[in-house]
C-alpha atoms as a PDB file:
ATOM      1  CA  MET A   1     -38.353 -11.952 -14.268  1.00  0.00           C
ATOM      2  CA  MET A   2     -35.756 -13.596 -12.155  1.00  0.00           C
ATOM      3  CA  ASN A   3     -35.135 -17.216 -12.509  1.00  0.00           C
ATOM      4  CA  HIS A   4     -34.644 -18.548  -9.170  1.00  0.00           C
ATOM      5  CA  PRO A   5     -32.547 -16.318  -6.549  1.00  0.00           C
ATOM      6  CA  ASN A   6     -29.772 -17.312  -4.941  1.00  0.00           C
ATOM      7  CA  ALA A   7     -29.051 -14.750  -2.631  1.00  0.00           C
ATOM      8  CA  ASP A   8     -31.238 -11.894  -0.497  1.00  0.00           C
ATOM      9  CA  VAL A   9     -30.716  -8.274   0.328  1.00  0.00           C
ATOM     10  CA  ILE A  10     -30.540  -8.162   3.714  1.00  0.00           C
ATOM     11  CA  GLY A  11     -28.644  -4.713   4.277  1.00  0.00           C
ATOM     12  CA  LEU A  12     -28.041  -1.566   2.472  1.00  0.00           C
ATOM     13  CA  VAL A  13     -27.169  -2.267  -1.338  1.00  0.00           C
ATOM     14  CA  ARG A  14     -26.444   0.767  -3.809  1.00  0.00           C
ATOM     15  CA  TYR A  15     -25.874   1.138  -7.159  1.00  0.00           C
ATOM     16  CA  ARG A  16     -25.314   3.421  -9.075  1.00  0.00           C
ATOM     17  CA  MET A  17     -26.929   4.060 -12.720  1.00  0.00           C
ATOM     18  CA  GLY A  18     -24.048   5.785 -15.010  1.00  0.00           C
ATOM     19  CA  ASP A  19     -23.110   8.917 -13.518  1.00  0.00           C
ATOM     20  CA  GLY A  20     -26.934   9.522 -11.861  1.00  0.00           C
ATOM     21  CA  PRO A  21     -27.636   8.899  -7.860  1.00  0.00           C
ATOM     22  CA  LEU A  22     -27.671   6.619  -6.114  1.00  0.00           C
ATOM     23  CA  ARG A  23     -30.705   3.793  -5.472  1.00  0.00           C
ATOM     24  CA  THR A  24     -31.272   0.977  -3.326  1.00  0.00           C
ATOM     25  CA  VAL A  25     -31.602  -2.644  -3.482  1.00  0.00           C
ATOM     26  CA  PRO A  26     -34.565  -3.815  -1.521  1.00  0.00           C
ATOM     27  CA  ARG A  27     -34.020  -5.932   1.360  1.00  0.00           C
ATOM     28  CA  GLY A  28     -35.512  -9.496   0.156  1.00  0.00           C
ATOM     29  CA  PRO A  29     -34.424 -12.713  -2.613  1.00  0.00           C
ATOM     30  CA  VAL A  30     -31.825 -11.507  -6.195  1.00  0.00           C
ATOM     31  CA  GLU A  31     -30.645 -12.898  -8.420  1.00  0.00           C
ATOM     32  CA  VAL A  32     -26.624 -13.091  -8.652  1.00  0.00           C
ATOM     33  CA  ALA A  33     -25.368 -13.040 -12.269  1.00  0.00           C
ATOM     34  CA  VAL A  34     -20.731 -13.300 -11.131  1.00  0.00           C
ATOM     35  CA  THR A  35     -18.983 -12.455 -13.668  1.00  0.00           C
ATOM     36  CA  ALA A  36     -14.924 -11.076 -14.026  1.00  0.00           C
ATOM     37  CA  GLN A  37     -15.457  -8.174 -14.144  1.00  0.00           C
ATOM     38  CA  ASP A  38     -18.538  -7.207 -11.776  1.00  0.00           C
ATOM     39  CA  ALA A  39     -21.626  -9.143 -10.445  1.00  0.00           C
ATOM     40  CA  THR A  40     -25.704  -8.118 -11.989  1.00  0.00           C
ATOM     41  CA  LEU A  41     -28.296  -7.808  -9.075  1.00  0.00           C
ATOM     42  CA  SER A  42     -31.388  -9.036 -10.601  1.00  0.00           C
ATOM     43  CA  TRP A  43     -34.484  -8.645  -8.012  1.00  0.00           C
ATOM     44  CA  LEU A  44     -38.641  -7.379  -8.665  1.00  0.00           C
ATOM     45  CA  ALA A  45     -40.131  -4.692  -7.185  1.00  0.00           C
ATOM     46  CA  GLY A  46     -43.116  -5.563  -7.080  1.00  0.00           C
ATOM     47  CA  GLU A  47     -43.785  -7.789 -10.871  1.00  0.00           C
ATOM     48  CA  THR A  48     -41.487  -5.249 -12.797  1.00  0.00           C
ATOM     49  CA  PRO A  49     -37.988  -7.229 -12.695  1.00  0.00           C
ATOM     50  CA  GLN A  50     -35.063  -4.224 -12.532  1.00  0.00           C
ATOM     51  CA  SER A  51     -30.963  -4.964 -12.563  1.00  0.00           C
ATOM     52  CA  ALA A  52     -28.104  -3.655 -11.799  1.00  0.00           C
ATOM     53  CA  ALA A  53     -24.858  -4.189 -12.550  1.00  0.00           C
ATOM     54  CA  VAL A  54     -21.821  -3.182  -9.499  1.00  0.00           C
ATOM     55  CA  PRO A  55     -18.264  -3.460  -9.853  1.00  0.00           C
ATOM     56  CA  MET A  56     -16.586  -6.218  -8.869  1.00  0.00           C
ATOM     57  CA  VAL A  57     -14.587  -5.416  -5.477  1.00  0.00           C
ATOM     58  CA  GLU A  58     -18.253  -3.705  -4.529  1.00  0.00           C
ATOM     59  CA  TYR A  59     -19.903  -6.898  -5.067  1.00  0.00           C
ATOM     60  CA  GLN A  60     -17.197  -8.115  -2.415  1.00  0.00           C
ATOM     61  CA  ARG A  61     -17.546  -5.295   0.185  1.00  0.00           C
ATOM     62  CA  MET A  62     -21.732  -6.194   0.320  1.00  0.00           C
ATOM     63  CA  LEU A  63     -20.834  -9.786   0.248  1.00  0.00           C
ATOM     64  CA  ALA A  64     -17.937  -8.926   3.345  1.00  0.00           C
ATOM     65  CA  SER A  65     -20.466  -6.141   5.222  1.00  0.00           C
ATOM     66  CA  HIS A  66     -23.829  -9.084   5.609  1.00  0.00           C
ATOM     67  CA  ALA A  67     -25.686  -6.755   3.291  1.00  0.00           C
ATOM     68  CA  LEU A  68     -25.874  -9.796   0.743  1.00  0.00           C
ATOM     69  CA  VAL A  69     -25.757 -13.280   1.721  1.00  0.00           C
ATOM     70  CA  MET A  70     -25.543 -15.774  -1.059  1.00  0.00           C
ATOM     71  CA  ARG A  71     -27.921 -19.308  -0.373  1.00  0.00           C
ATOM     72  CA  HIS A  72     -26.689 -22.532  -0.180  1.00  0.00           C
END
């Protein structure tokens, strides 16, 4: 379960599971945890917790394009 959403997906945010197809994070609240290497996005799909790790460069693109907006 998500602890405290600290960002909102308001545009197209996609991730890839391994070598699989691109998947889309649904619009709405997400929890973001950032490390030096990547950012992990966590959200609820119904009552099911979901998460995806994205490379830092992709995370920065999401922020720059305003597809992902951090809460203040």
